[in-house]
């Protein structure tokens, strides 16, 4: 059974980005995938301390829950990351997780070791929300580039981003069924390889 990894990057449970992520999860379950959801704010993940230890072994020297995240990232066939926009970037919690993927970068580019067995090419999608209603889509550029860099580093094909504006208050996305429908449809297309 193929594996679908959903990463909730918001520090707040049940917010707009997580509601959209749950819609992606629904699409994955409807497609018969094995689903695993990580709520980053509930994990004990320290920030990267730039010690360089991973350059020697390809493994992070910090022992925390990130060790399990590496395994899930590398075993997934599909990865969907969701985060609200904070000061034009992803949440601090999600950024810590991404920065800790420096160990995978070192494994791949310094030590020249494969990240996965076989030739499997996972696919990924990024979902982000913003309170701004009339802003240009450019406000998502920084967060989108960060997630693209993560996917590129760990050899996940970036299948696209879903960027939703005008979600100022909690549960605002529930007043936009078209956002939920777009997320479901994009997730099914991700799984279908479109």
Protein backbone atom coordinates (compact mmCIF):
# COMPACT_ATOMS: atom_id res chain seq x y z
CA UNK A 1 0.00 0.00 0.00
CA UNK A 2 1.36 3.42 -0.92
CA UNK A 3 2.08 5.86 1.89
CA UNK A 4 0.75 9.40 2.19
CA UNK A 5 2.46 11.72 4.67
CA UNK A 6 0.58 14.85 5.76
CA UNK A 7 2.58 17.47 7.67
CA UNK A 8 0.62 20.07 9.64
CA UNK A 9 2.94 23.03 10.16
CA UNK A 10 0.67 25.35 12.12
CA UNK A 11 1.26 25.87 15.85
CA UNK A 12 -2.51 26.10 16.26
CA UNK A 13 -4.61 22.95 16.03
CA UNK A 14 -7.70 22.97 13.84
CA UNK A 15 -6.83 26.17 12.00
CA UNK A 16 -7.45 26.90 8.34
CA UNK A 17 -4.30 25.24 7.00
CA UNK A 18 -4.99 22.08 9.02
CA UNK A 19 -8.61 21.96 7.83
CA UNK A 20 -7.32 22.04 4.26
CA UNK A 21 -4.71 19.40 5.07
CA UNK A 22 -7.46 17.19 6.48
CA UNK A 23 -9.25 17.54 3.14
CA UNK A 24 -6.09 16.30 1.43
CA UNK A 25 -6.03 13.40 3.87
CA UNK A 26 -9.65 12.60 2.99
CA UNK A 27 -8.68 12.48 -0.69
CA UNK A 28 -5.76 10.16 0.10
CA UNK A 29 -7.93 7.82 2.15
CA UNK A 30 -10.55 7.79 -0.60
CA UNK A 31 -7.75 6.70 -2.96
CA UNK A 32 -6.91 3.81 -0.63
CA UNK A 33 -3.58 5.11 0.65
CA UNK A 34 -2.04 4.52 4.06
CA UNK A 35 -2.11 7.93 5.75
CA UNK A 36 0.17 9.30 8.45
CA UNK A 37 -0.34 12.81 9.83
CA UNK A 38 2.41 14.68 11.68
CA UNK A 39 1.49 17.72 13.75
CA UNK A 40 4.85 19.46 13.96
CA UNK A 41 3.96 21.61 16.98
CA UNK A 42 3.32 18.44 19.00
CA UNK A 43 6.72 16.95 18.21
CA UNK A 44 9.93 17.49 20.15
CA UNK A 45 12.10 18.89 17.35
CA UNK A 46 15.05 21.10 18.21
CA UNK A 47 16.38 23.54 15.63
CA UNK A 48 19.50 22.70 13.64
CA UNK A 49 22.56 23.92 15.52
CA UNK A 50 24.82 23.85 12.44
CA UNK A 51 27.37 21.63 14.20
CA UNK A 52 28.39 19.83 11.01
CA UNK A 53 28.05 16.40 12.61
CA UNK A 54 25.84 15.17 9.78
CA UNK A 55 28.65 15.84 7.28
CA UNK A 56 30.51 12.89 8.78
CA UNK A 57 27.72 10.29 8.92
CA UNK A 58 24.66 11.66 7.13
CA UNK A 59 22.82 11.37 10.45
CA UNK A 60 21.77 14.20 12.74
CA UNK A 61 23.53 14.13 16.10
CA UNK A 62 20.51 15.65 17.88
CA UNK A 63 18.39 12.88 19.37
CA UNK A 64 14.73 13.86 19.38
CA UNK A 65 11.56 13.07 17.45
CA UNK A 66 13.09 14.24 14.19
CA UNK A 67 14.67 10.80 13.88
CA UNK A 68 11.22 9.33 13.24
CA UNK A 69 10.35 12.14 10.84
CA UNK A 70 13.33 11.30 8.62
CA UNK A 71 12.06 7.74 8.31
CA UNK A 72 8.53 8.86 7.43
CA UNK A 73 9.78 11.40 4.85
CA UNK A 74 11.91 8.81 3.11
CA UNK A 75 9.25 6.08 3.13
CA UNK A 76 6.39 8.25 1.84
CA UNK A 77 5.14 8.03 -1.72
CA UNK A 78 3.30 11.34 -1.35
CA UNK A 79 4.00 14.26 0.98
CA UNK A 80 1.65 17.18 1.57
CA UNK A 81 2.91 20.04 3.73
CA UNK A 82 0.56 22.70 5.10
CA UNK A 83 1.40 25.95 6.87
CA UNK A 84 -0.15 29.33 7.48
CA UNK A 85 1.81 32.33 6.31
CA UNK A 86 3.74 34.22 9.01
CA UNK A 87 5.67 37.32 7.91
CA UNK A 88 5.72 35.91 4.35
CA UNK A 89 7.15 32.58 5.48
CA UNK A 90 6.21 29.23 6.93
CA UNK A 91 5.68 28.67 10.65
CA UNK A 92 8.72 28.49 12.94
CA UNK A 93 7.84 24.92 13.89
CA UNK A 94 7.83 23.77 10.28
CA UNK A 95 11.02 25.70 9.52
CA UNK A 96 12.80 23.85 12.34
CA UNK A 97 11.75 20.52 10.81
CA UNK A 98 12.93 21.60 7.36
CA UNK A 99 16.25 22.92 8.67
CA UNK A 100 16.90 19.60 10.37
CA UNK A 101 16.75 17.98 6.92
CA UNK A 102 20.29 19.32 6.56
CA UNK A 103 21.30 15.80 7.61
CA UNK A 104 19.60 14.37 4.51
CA UNK A 105 21.27 17.05 2.39
CA UNK A 106 24.66 15.99 3.79
CA UNK A 107 23.88 12.32 3.19
CA UNK A 108 23.00 13.01 -0.43
CA UNK A 109 25.43 15.74 -1.47
CA UNK A 110 28.45 15.40 0.83
CA UNK A 111 28.54 11.65 1.38
CA UNK A 112 26.94 10.77 -1.99
CA UNK A 113 24.66 8.18 -0.40
CA UNK A 114 21.19 7.41 -1.78
CA UNK A 115 18.26 8.57 0.32
CA UNK A 116 15.94 5.75 -0.72
CA UNK A 117 16.21 2.20 -1.96
CA UNK A 118 15.18 1.75 -5.57
CA UNK A 119 14.17 4.35 -8.11
CA UNK A 120 10.92 5.50 -6.56
CA UNK A 121 10.13 9.20 -7.07
CA UNK A 122 7.78 10.53 -4.37
CA UNK A 123 5.54 13.49 -5.22
CA UNK A 124 4.64 16.45 -3.02
CA UNK A 125 2.24 19.34 -2.64
CA UNK A 126 2.31 22.50 -0.53
CA UNK A 127 -0.78 24.13 1.00
CA UNK A 128 -0.57 27.59 2.54
CA UNK A 129 -3.06 30.09 3.91
CA UNK A 130 -2.91 33.82 4.55
CA UNK A 131 -5.11 36.37 6.24
CA UNK A 132 -4.42 38.91 3.50
CA UNK A 133 -7.34 39.11 1.14
CA UNK A 134 -6.32 41.48 -1.63
CA UNK A 135 -2.61 40.79 -1.65
CA UNK A 136 -0.81 39.55 -4.72
CA UNK A 137 0.07 35.87 -4.89
CA UNK A 138 3.71 36.95 -4.53
CA UNK A 139 3.19 36.94 -0.74
CA UNK A 140 3.52 33.14 -0.90
CA UNK A 141 6.79 33.22 -2.86
CA UNK A 142 9.12 32.81 0.13
CA UNK A 143 7.22 29.98 1.78
CA UNK A 144 6.78 28.23 -1.56
CA UNK A 145 10.50 28.41 -2.30
CA UNK A 146 11.32 26.98 1.13
CA UNK A 147 9.11 23.95 0.59
CA UNK A 148 10.37 23.54 -2.98
CA UNK A 149 13.94 23.53 -1.63
CA UNK A 150 13.02 20.85 0.90
CA UNK A 151 11.40 18.68 -1.75
CA UNK A 152 14.31 19.14 -4.15
CA UNK A 153 16.83 18.24 -1.45
CA UNK A 154 15.08 15.04 -0.44
CA UNK A 155 14.15 14.09 -4.00
CA UNK A 156 10.42 14.68 -3.90
CA UNK A 157 8.87 15.97 -7.11
CA UNK A 158 7.15 19.30 -6.39
CA UNK A 159 3.71 18.91 -7.95
CA UNK A 160 2.58 22.42 -7.02
CA UNK A 161 1.26 24.73 -4.39
CA UNK A 162 -2.23 25.68 -3.25
CA UNK A 163 -2.31 29.21 -1.88
CA UNK A 164 -5.44 30.55 -0.22
CA UNK A 165 -5.94 34.17 0.85
CA UNK A 166 -8.53 35.99 2.91
CA UNK A 167 -8.59 33.52 5.79
CA UNK A 168 -8.25 35.94 8.70
CA UNK A 169 -10.28 34.16 11.37
CA UNK A 170 -10.37 30.61 12.65
CA UNK A 171 -12.57 28.32 10.52
CA UNK A 172 -12.83 30.95 7.76
CA UNK A 173 -11.98 28.26 5.21
CA UNK A 174 -15.27 26.52 6.03
CA UNK A 175 -17.02 29.44 4.32
CA UNK A 176 -15.08 28.66 1.15
CA UNK A 177 -16.14 25.22 -0.07
CA UNK A 178 -14.30 25.95 -3.32
CA UNK A 179 -10.98 25.94 -1.38
CA UNK A 180 -11.80 22.55 0.10
CA UNK A 181 -12.85 21.21 -3.30
CA UNK A 182 -9.64 22.52 -4.91
CA UNK A 183 -7.54 20.82 -2.23
CA UNK A 184 -9.34 17.51 -2.64
CA UNK A 185 -9.03 17.66 -6.42
CA UNK A 186 -5.34 18.65 -6.37
CA UNK A 187 -4.56 15.81 -3.96
CA UNK A 188 -6.29 13.27 -6.16
CA UNK A 189 -4.32 14.63 -9.14
CA UNK A 190 -1.10 14.37 -7.12
CA UNK A 191 -1.85 10.71 -6.45
CA UNK A 192 -2.85 10.06 -10.06
CA UNK A 193 0.40 11.59 -11.29
CA UNK A 194 -1.17 14.53 -13.13
